Amino acid sequence: MSTTSVPLPQFTPTGLVTASEQAILQGVLADYVAAFAATGKVLNTELTTPQGQLASSQAYMVAAFQAMLAQLIANVDPLTSSGAYQDALGRIYLLTRQQATYAYVAATVGGVVGATLPAGSQVRSSDGTIWASVLPIVFDGVGAGAVAFQATTPGALPAAGVDDLSIYQQVPGWESVTNAAPSVPGRDVEGRADFETRRADSVQIGGKGTPQAIRAAVANVTGVSDVYVYNNGSDSAIVAGSTNYPIPAHSIAINVTGGDVEAIAQAIWSKIDCGCGFSTQTTVTVNILDSEGYSEPFPVYPIRFMHDRPPTQVYFTVNVADRASLPANYITLVQQAVATAFASGYSSPDGSINISRARIGGQVIADTYAAPLLTIQNITPVSIFIGLSAAPASGAALTFGIDQQPVCAQLNVSVNRVAV
């Protein structure tokens, strides 16, 4: 048979057009009739017949192929690309996807005076996460020491609450561990939406002297998870953002989370203009040595920026409908959904709903987190509140300062079942 009744995909000026599964099935059945029904005969095309089953299977394969073709076409558009195709598009811009980062928690350990707690010593939090100490320490004259523990698994979910750690792997001379503050969450592998935002911003990397160029260059530093740049081009000092952060005249304020401070300073240095000053409050200073075109002694320029500011802890209260079908582990499911969306953002399967991750200087609206919650079977959110203290009973939104890095661990999400 040289022709077919199956509707074929078509490339049009507006893009690829594919047929519906029902139209494909009808086309396959029409081909069967044309091929097997002799003149004056009738072929039974009921789907319960053997020929109906074969036609249904073939229609499914054709529809699946056309869907894959549509996905392939979508993957060459930066706005809809994902996965390996998006990675390939990123490489055109000399970008690679930022990898997952690890949660960490600051703790105080107690033990025998003079004993050493080696790096890699392990504690456990109530959610089952194992944390390993980053550096070795020696217990001081009162048998204490400050230690940073890092989660052994990356991503946004590992969490430790206040005084939530216990010794998991005993070390001679180590007796206790406490933590006065909750953990700082990690981040999942850079998602589709965030990578596309960074790709779009990266077109500014070739520029110089603009906030966009500085932000694009710093965002491309390995390990950087967030960056904010605010320019004060006026002749007077100003305050910026919800926390009224002070910025001197003719200066920029830069806040960066993650990454190596030397690499960040080099990225800033490569994009600032002559005469540009920096904010001075809560900043770190990195001295850049300019050896191009000079003989020793080389000029040295201080680069100042905020780096890894103490996290601003954000809390949610989520009230869900108290129904018989509510899953037994509904609290954990809700906590994970909110914490993951907060740290990494959320996109609905069809792309119609997109929630940006919480960022420096950004705004978070509580009700938007209903979208990821509604994807959990048998969980219906009734109300969602957000605040800066535990278990908020009200609060529709928070706007963060340009000197604040918002974080929300799982344990910062209170979940209640309420009658409806």
Protein backbone atom coordinates (compact mmCIF):
# COMPACT_ATOMS: atom_id res chain seq x y z
CA MET A 1 0.00 0.00 0.00
CA SER A 2 1.65 3.22 -1.15
CA THR A 3 -0.49 5.58 0.89
CA THR A 4 -1.77 5.67 4.45
CA SER A 5 -4.75 7.13 6.24
CA VAL A 6 -2.66 7.70 9.37
CA PRO A 7 -2.21 11.49 9.82
CA LEU A 8 1.49 12.30 9.62
CA PRO A 9 3.32 14.97 11.62
CA GLN A 10 3.72 18.25 9.76
CA PHE A 11 6.20 21.08 10.07
CA THR A 12 4.39 24.41 9.78
CA PRO A 13 5.51 28.04 10.16
CA THR A 14 4.31 27.85 13.78
CA GLY A 15 6.08 24.59 14.57
CA LEU A 16 5.44 20.85 14.60
CA VAL A 17 1.82 19.67 14.42
CA THR A 18 0.97 16.10 15.47
CA ALA A 19 -2.32 14.24 15.39
CA SER A 20 -4.36 13.09 18.36
CA GLU A 21 -4.17 9.45 19.44
CA GLN A 22 -7.79 8.92 18.38
CA ALA A 23 -7.08 10.27 14.89
CA ILE A 24 -4.04 8.00 14.58
CA LEU A 25 -6.11 4.97 15.65
CA GLN A 26 -8.79 5.75 13.11
CA GLY A 27 -6.12 6.05 10.43
CA VAL A 28 -4.60 2.67 11.31
CA LEU A 29 -8.03 1.03 11.26
CA ALA A 30 -8.73 2.59 7.87
CA ASP A 31 -5.46 1.12 6.56
CA TYR A 32 -6.48 -2.31 7.90
CA VAL A 33 -9.83 -2.08 6.13
CA ALA A 34 -8.16 -1.04 2.88
CA ALA A 35 -5.63 -3.86 3.11
CA PHE A 36 -7.71 -6.80 4.37
CA ALA A 37 -11.36 -6.21 3.45
CA ALA A 38 -11.88 -7.74 -0.01
CA THR A 39 -14.37 -6.16 -2.38
CA GLY A 40 -17.85 -6.52 -0.97
CA LYS A 41 -16.57 -7.68 2.41
CA VAL A 42 -16.53 -5.92 5.78
CA LEU A 43 -13.68 -5.97 8.32
CA ASN A 44 -14.78 -5.87 11.93
CA THR A 45 -12.81 -3.01 13.52
CA GLU A 46 -14.01 -3.45 17.09
CA LEU A 47 -11.03 -3.06 19.43
CA THR A 48 -11.90 -6.34 21.14
CA THR A 49 -11.11 -8.29 17.95
CA PRO A 50 -7.57 -9.50 17.13
CA GLN A 51 -7.26 -6.94 14.33
CA GLY A 52 -8.58 -4.26 16.67
CA GLN A 53 -5.93 -5.14 19.26
CA LEU A 54 -3.18 -5.01 16.63
CA ALA A 55 -4.43 -1.66 15.34
CA SER A 56 -4.57 -0.28 18.88
CA SER A 57 -0.96 -1.36 19.55
CA GLN A 58 0.28 0.12 16.28
CA ALA A 59 -1.57 3.37 16.92
CA TYR A 60 0.07 3.58 20.35
CA MET A 61 3.53 3.12 18.80
CA VAL A 62 2.89 5.78 16.16
CA ALA A 63 1.57 8.22 18.80
CA ALA A 64 4.57 7.52 21.05
CA PHE A 65 6.96 8.17 18.15
CA GLN A 66 5.23 11.45 17.30
CA ALA A 67 5.39 12.48 20.97
CA MET A 68 9.12 11.76 21.01
CA LEU A 69 9.52 13.81 17.84
CA ALA A 70 7.66 16.70 19.49
CA GLN A 71 9.90 16.39 22.54
CA LEU A 72 12.99 16.42 20.34
CA ILE A 73 11.82 19.61 18.62
CA ALA A 74 11.06 21.20 22.00
CA ASN A 75 14.55 20.36 23.23
CA VAL A 76 16.25 22.52 20.61
CA ASP A 77 14.46 25.61 21.94
CA PRO A 78 16.24 27.05 25.00
CA LEU A 79 12.89 28.01 26.53
CA THR A 80 11.64 24.40 26.59
CA SER A 81 14.85 22.37 26.52
CA SER A 82 15.65 19.99 29.37
CA GLY A 83 18.08 17.29 30.42
CA ALA A 84 21.03 16.42 28.18
CA TYR A 85 19.77 18.70 25.40
CA GLN A 86 19.73 21.68 27.77
CA ASP A 87 23.24 20.76 28.91
CA ALA A 88 24.34 20.80 25.27
CA LEU A 89 22.75 24.22 24.70
CA GLY A 90 24.47 25.46 27.84
CA ARG A 91 27.86 24.39 26.51
CA ILE A 92 27.36 26.71 23.53
CA TYR A 93 27.40 29.53 26.10
CA LEU A 94 30.32 27.92 27.99
CA LEU A 95 27.95 27.05 30.84
CA THR A 96 27.62 23.84 32.81
CA ARG A 97 24.78 22.91 35.13
CA GLN A 98 25.47 23.67 38.80
CA GLN A 99 25.65 20.44 40.78
CA ALA A 100 23.82 19.66 44.00
CA THR A 101 25.20 21.15 47.21
CA TYR A 102 25.26 19.71 50.72
CA ALA A 103 23.39 20.87 53.79
CA TYR A 104 25.53 21.79 56.77
CA VAL A 105 25.00 22.48 60.45
CA ALA A 106 27.19 24.30 62.98
CA ALA A 107 27.60 22.36 66.21
CA THR A 108 29.48 22.34 69.50
CA VAL A 109 31.15 19.10 70.52
CA GLY A 110 32.36 18.06 73.94
CA GLY A 111 35.06 15.59 74.91
CA VAL A 112 38.31 14.87 76.67
CA VAL A 113 40.70 17.84 76.88
CA GLY A 114 43.41 17.54 74.25
CA ALA A 115 41.75 14.70 72.35
CA THR A 116 41.30 15.03 68.58
CA LEU A 117 38.01 14.67 66.75
CA PRO A 118 39.03 13.72 63.20
CA ALA A 119 37.40 14.97 60.03
CA GLY A 120 34.64 12.65 58.90
CA SER A 121 33.32 11.97 62.41
CA GLN A 122 29.62 11.21 62.08
CA VAL A 123 26.44 12.35 63.79
CA ARG A 124 22.81 11.58 63.01
CA SER A 125 19.71 13.81 62.93
CA SER A 126 16.14 12.74 63.64
CA ASP A 127 15.27 12.55 59.94
CA GLY A 128 17.85 9.79 59.51
CA THR A 129 20.47 11.95 57.80
CA ILE A 130 24.11 11.15 58.55
CA TRP A 131 26.39 14.18 58.90
CA ALA A 132 30.20 14.15 58.77
CA SER A 133 32.54 16.72 60.31
CA VAL A 134 34.35 18.82 57.72
CA LEU A 135 37.62 19.51 59.57
CA PRO A 136 39.46 17.93 62.51
CA ILE A 137 39.44 19.76 65.84
CA VAL A 138 41.22 19.39 69.16
CA PHE A 139 39.10 19.69 72.31
CA ASP A 140 40.16 22.86 74.14
CA GLY A 141 40.98 23.43 77.79
CA VAL A 142 37.35 22.99 78.84
CA GLY A 143 36.75 20.00 76.58
CA ALA A 144 34.78 21.79 73.86
CA GLY A 145 35.11 22.65 70.19
CA ALA A 146 33.18 24.16 67.30
CA VAL A 147 32.54 21.86 64.34
CA ALA A 148 30.72 22.14 61.02
CA PHE A 149 28.97 18.94 59.99
CA GLN A 150 28.00 18.34 56.36
CA ALA A 151 25.27 15.99 55.20
CA THR A 152 26.63 12.89 53.50
CA THR A 153 23.91 13.06 50.82
CA PRO A 154 23.46 16.19 48.67
CA GLY A 155 20.25 18.08 47.99
CA ALA A 156 17.54 20.10 49.67
CA LEU A 157 16.00 17.43 51.90
CA PRO A 158 18.56 16.60 54.66
CA ALA A 159 17.68 18.66 57.74
CA ALA A 160 18.60 18.94 61.41
CA GLY A 161 16.59 20.92 63.94
CA VAL A 162 17.89 22.63 67.07
CA ASP A 163 19.67 20.11 69.35
CA ASP A 164 18.74 17.41 66.87
CA LEU A 165 22.12 15.68 66.58
CA SER A 166 23.40 12.55 68.27
CA ILE A 167 26.73 10.76 67.95
CA TYR A 168 26.41 8.12 65.24
CA GLN A 169 29.96 6.81 65.06
CA GLN A 170 31.79 6.76 68.38
CA VAL A 171 35.28 8.27 68.50
CA PRO A 172 37.56 7.87 71.56
CA GLY A 173 37.42 11.02 73.67
CA TRP A 174 34.21 12.34 72.07
CA GLU A 175 31.33 12.63 74.52
CA SER A 176 28.61 15.00 73.26
CA VAL A 177 27.27 17.12 70.41
CA THR A 178 24.76 19.98 70.40
CA ASN A 179 23.60 22.48 67.79
CA ALA A 180 21.99 25.79 68.75
CA ALA A 181 20.64 26.53 65.26
CA PRO A 182 19.01 24.39 62.58
CA SER A 183 20.93 23.21 59.54
CA VAL A 184 21.38 25.25 56.39
CA PRO A 185 19.75 23.30 53.54
CA GLY A 186 21.65 22.15 50.50
CA ARG A 187 20.39 22.55 46.97
CA ASP A 188 19.35 20.01 44.36
CA VAL A 189 21.06 19.85 40.97
CA GLU A 190 20.27 23.07 39.10
CA GLY A 191 16.81 22.63 37.60
CA ARG A 192 15.58 23.33 34.09
CA ALA A 193 14.10 26.75 34.87
CA ASP A 194 17.11 28.00 36.87
CA PHE A 195 19.58 26.83 34.24
CA GLU A 196 17.60 28.57 31.50
CA THR A 197 17.48 31.78 33.56
CA ARG A 198 21.25 31.65 33.99
CA ARG A 199 21.73 30.93 30.27
CA ALA A 200 19.57 33.91 29.33
CA ASP A 201 21.48 36.11 31.80
CA SER A 202 24.80 34.85 30.45
CA VAL A 203 24.44 36.89 27.27
CA GLN A 204 25.53 39.79 29.49
CA ILE A 205 28.87 38.12 30.29
CA GLY A 206 30.44 39.85 27.31
CA GLY A 207 29.46 43.22 28.75
CA LYS A 208 31.27 45.31 31.32
CA GLY A 209 30.35 47.85 33.97
CA THR A 210 26.69 46.86 34.38
CA PRO A 211 24.97 44.97 37.22
CA GLN A 212 23.80 42.42 34.66
CA ALA A 213 27.34 41.72 33.45
CA ILE A 214 28.66 41.35 37.00
CA ARG A 215 25.77 39.09 38.01
CA ALA A 216 26.19 36.88 34.95
CA ALA A 217 29.93 36.49 35.53
CA VAL A 218 29.57 35.67 39.23
CA ALA A 219 26.66 33.28 38.62
CA ASN A 220 28.94 31.28 36.33
CA VAL A 221 31.50 30.65 39.09
CA THR A 222 31.50 27.01 40.15
CA GLY A 223 29.53 26.44 43.35
CA VAL A 224 27.66 29.76 43.32
CA SER A 225 23.98 29.11 44.04
CA ASP A 226 22.73 32.71 44.21
CA VAL A 227 23.96 36.23 43.49
CA TYR A 228 22.43 39.69 43.80
CA VAL A 229 23.92 42.95 42.49
CA TYR A 230 22.58 46.44 43.26
CA ASN A 231 24.11 49.54 41.70
CA ASN A 232 24.05 53.01 43.26
CA GLY A 233 25.09 55.33 40.47
CA SER A 234 23.97 58.46 42.33
CA ASP A 235 26.11 61.07 44.07
CA SER A 236 24.64 60.22 47.48
CA ALA A 237 24.57 57.20 49.76
CA ILE A 238 21.31 55.23 49.65
CA VAL A 239 19.64 52.32 51.39
CA ALA A 240 18.27 49.44 49.34
CA GLY A 241 15.83 46.59 49.82
CA SER A 242 13.53 45.60 52.65
CA THR A 243 16.38 45.70 55.21
CA ASN A 244 17.57 49.18 54.12
CA TYR A 245 21.06 47.95 53.31
CA PRO A 246 23.43 50.97 53.01
CA ILE A 247 25.29 51.54 49.73
CA PRO A 248 27.76 54.44 49.37
CA ALA A 249 27.63 56.81 46.40
CA HIS A 250 28.95 55.44 43.10
CA SER A 251 29.16 51.93 44.53
CA ILE A 252 27.68 48.49 44.09
CA ALA A 253 26.45 45.98 46.64
CA ILE A 254 27.06 42.33 45.79
CA ASN A 255 25.75 39.36 47.77
CA VAL A 256 26.89 35.85 46.83
CA THR A 257 26.01 32.44 48.21
CA GLY A 258 28.42 29.58 47.57
CA GLY A 259 31.55 29.46 45.47
CA ASP A 260 35.19 30.27 46.17
CA VAL A 261 35.82 33.85 47.30
CA GLU A 262 38.95 34.21 45.14
CA ALA A 263 37.10 33.06 42.01
CA ILE A 264 34.17 35.35 42.83
CA ALA A 265 36.49 38.33 43.31
CA GLN A 266 38.17 37.64 39.97
CA ALA A 267 34.77 37.49 38.25
CA ILE A 268 33.79 40.84 39.80
CA TRP A 269 37.14 42.40 38.93
CA SER A 270 36.75 41.36 35.30
CA LYS A 271 33.46 43.28 34.96
CA ILE A 272 33.64 46.45 37.09
CA ASP A 273 34.43 49.87 35.64
CA CYS A 274 37.07 52.31 36.85
CA GLY A 275 36.06 54.30 39.92
CA CYS A 276 33.42 51.81 41.07
CA GLY A 277 33.21 51.48 44.84
CA PHE A 278 31.75 48.72 46.97
CA SER A 279 29.43 48.48 49.95
CA THR A 280 31.24 47.96 53.23
CA GLN A 281 28.68 46.51 55.65
CA THR A 282 28.99 42.76 56.39
CA THR A 283 31.38 42.22 53.48
CA VAL A 284 34.51 40.17 52.91
CA THR A 285 37.53 41.69 51.18
CA VAL A 286 39.69 39.96 48.59
CA ASN A 287 42.76 41.75 47.25
CA ILE A 288 43.26 41.39 43.50
CA LEU A 289 46.79 41.81 42.17
CA ASP A 290 46.89 43.42 38.71
CA SER A 291 50.02 42.14 36.95
CA GLU A 292 48.99 42.92 33.36
CA GLY A 293 51.22 45.59 31.83
CA TYR A 294 53.03 46.36 35.08
CA SER A 295 56.35 45.46 36.64
CA GLU A 296 56.69 44.84 40.34
CA PRO A 297 55.40 46.11 42.68
CA PHE A 298 52.00 45.35 41.13
CA PRO A 299 48.89 47.40 41.94
CA VAL A 300 46.55 45.72 44.42
CA TYR A 301 42.81 46.41 44.42
CA PRO A 302 40.41 45.41 47.21
CA ILE A 303 37.18 43.73 46.04
CA ARG A 304 34.41 43.73 48.65
CA PHE A 305 31.20 41.70 48.61
CA MET A 306 28.89 39.82 50.93
CA HIS A 307 29.53 36.09 50.95
CA ASP A 308 27.63 33.24 52.61
CA ARG A 309 25.70 35.51 54.92
CA PRO A 310 24.14 33.87 57.98
CA PRO A 311 20.96 32.31 56.59
CA THR A 312 17.58 33.91 57.20
CA GLN A 313 15.45 31.06 58.51
CA VAL A 314 11.97 30.97 56.98
CA TYR A 315 9.06 29.03 58.48
CA PHE A 316 5.79 27.73 57.05
CA THR A 317 2.54 26.49 58.52
CA VAL A 318 0.56 24.24 56.20
CA ASN A 319 -2.97 23.24 57.17
CA VAL A 320 -4.32 20.26 55.22
CA ALA A 321 -7.83 18.84 55.05
CA ASP A 322 -8.47 16.17 57.70
CA ARG A 323 -9.84 13.33 55.62
CA ALA A 324 -9.88 9.57 56.06
CA SER A 325 -7.69 9.18 52.96
CA LEU A 326 -4.89 11.37 54.37
CA PRO A 327 -1.63 9.38 54.10
CA ALA A 328 -0.03 8.22 57.34
CA ASN A 329 3.20 10.06 56.43
CA TYR A 330 1.45 13.25 55.31
CA ILE A 331 3.63 15.47 57.52
CA THR A 332 6.86 14.26 55.91
CA LEU A 333 5.38 14.47 52.41
CA VAL A 334 4.27 18.08 52.92
CA GLN A 335 7.56 19.10 54.55
CA GLN A 336 9.59 17.61 51.70
CA ALA A 337 7.43 19.23 49.00
CA VAL A 338 7.64 22.71 50.54
CA ALA A 339 11.36 22.54 51.40
CA THR A 340 12.27 21.26 47.93
CA ALA A 341 10.20 23.92 46.13
CA PHE A 342 11.67 26.63 48.37
CA ALA A 343 15.25 25.58 47.66
CA SER A 344 14.98 24.47 44.05
CA GLY A 345 11.74 25.88 42.64
CA TYR A 346 8.83 23.97 41.11
CA SER A 347 7.47 23.50 37.60
CA SER A 348 4.26 21.64 36.81
CA PRO A 349 4.55 18.76 34.31
CA ASP A 350 2.88 20.81 31.56
CA GLY A 351 4.97 23.89 32.31
CA SER A 352 1.94 26.07 33.06
CA ILE A 353 2.92 26.68 36.71
CA ASN A 354 6.42 27.80 37.65
CA ILE A 355 7.57 28.76 41.13
CA SER A 356 10.99 30.35 41.41
CA ARG A 357 13.25 29.20 44.20
CA ALA A 358 13.65 31.60 47.11
CA ARG A 359 16.45 34.03 46.35
CA ILE A 360 18.43 36.91 47.81
CA GLY A 361 16.30 40.07 47.73
CA GLY A 362 13.30 38.16 46.39
CA GLN A 363 9.72 37.68 47.52
CA VAL A 364 8.04 34.44 48.56
CA ILE A 365 4.24 34.16 48.47
CA ALA A 366 2.87 31.41 50.69
CA ASP A 367 -0.12 30.40 48.56
CA THR A 368 2.03 29.55 45.55
CA TYR A 369 3.26 26.48 47.42
CA ALA A 370 -0.18 24.93 47.07
CA ALA A 371 0.83 23.84 43.54
CA PRO A 372 3.46 21.25 44.53
CA LEU A 373 1.27 20.10 47.43
CA LEU A 374 -1.65 19.37 45.11
CA THR A 375 0.51 16.87 43.24
CA ILE A 376 0.64 14.67 46.36
CA GLN A 377 -2.13 12.09 46.31
CA ASN A 378 -4.89 12.56 48.91
CA ILE A 379 -3.42 15.77 50.35
CA THR A 380 -5.49 18.96 50.05
CA PRO A 381 -3.94 22.19 51.38
CA VAL A 382 -6.46 24.43 53.15
CA SER A 383 -4.20 27.34 54.12
CA ILE A 384 -0.50 28.19 54.03
CA PHE A 385 1.26 30.82 56.14
CA ILE A 386 4.84 32.08 56.06
CA GLY A 387 6.94 33.94 58.64
CA LEU A 388 10.32 34.41 60.29
CA SER A 389 9.42 32.53 63.48
CA ALA A 390 8.35 28.94 64.00
CA ALA A 391 4.78 27.84 63.22
CA PRO A 392 3.42 31.16 61.91
CA ALA A 393 -0.35 31.56 62.36
CA SER A 394 -0.58 34.27 59.70
CA GLY A 395 1.48 35.82 56.95
CA ALA A 396 0.87 35.78 53.21
CA ALA A 397 4.32 36.75 51.90
CA LEU A 398 7.88 37.70 52.81
CA THR A 399 10.23 40.05 50.96
CA PHE A 400 13.91 39.56 51.73
CA GLY A 401 16.66 42.14 51.87
CA ILE A 402 19.57 42.24 49.46
CA ASP A 403 21.77 41.15 52.38
CA GLN A 404 19.60 38.13 53.25
CA GLN A 405 19.79 34.56 51.98
CA PRO A 406 16.49 32.82 52.79
CA VAL A 407 16.55 29.13 53.72
CA CYS A 408 13.85 26.70 54.78
CA ALA A 409 14.67 23.21 56.02
CA GLN A 410 12.07 20.47 56.24
CA LEU A 411 11.77 20.92 59.97
CA ASN A 412 10.84 24.58 59.45
CA VAL A 413 7.51 23.44 58.00
CA SER A 414 4.72 22.85 60.55
CA VAL A 415 1.88 20.68 59.26
CA ASN A 416 -1.59 20.45 60.81
CA ARG A 417 -4.72 18.54 59.86
CA VAL A 418 -7.84 20.68 60.11
CA ALA A 419 -11.54 19.90 59.81
CA VAL A 420 -13.25 21.03 56.62
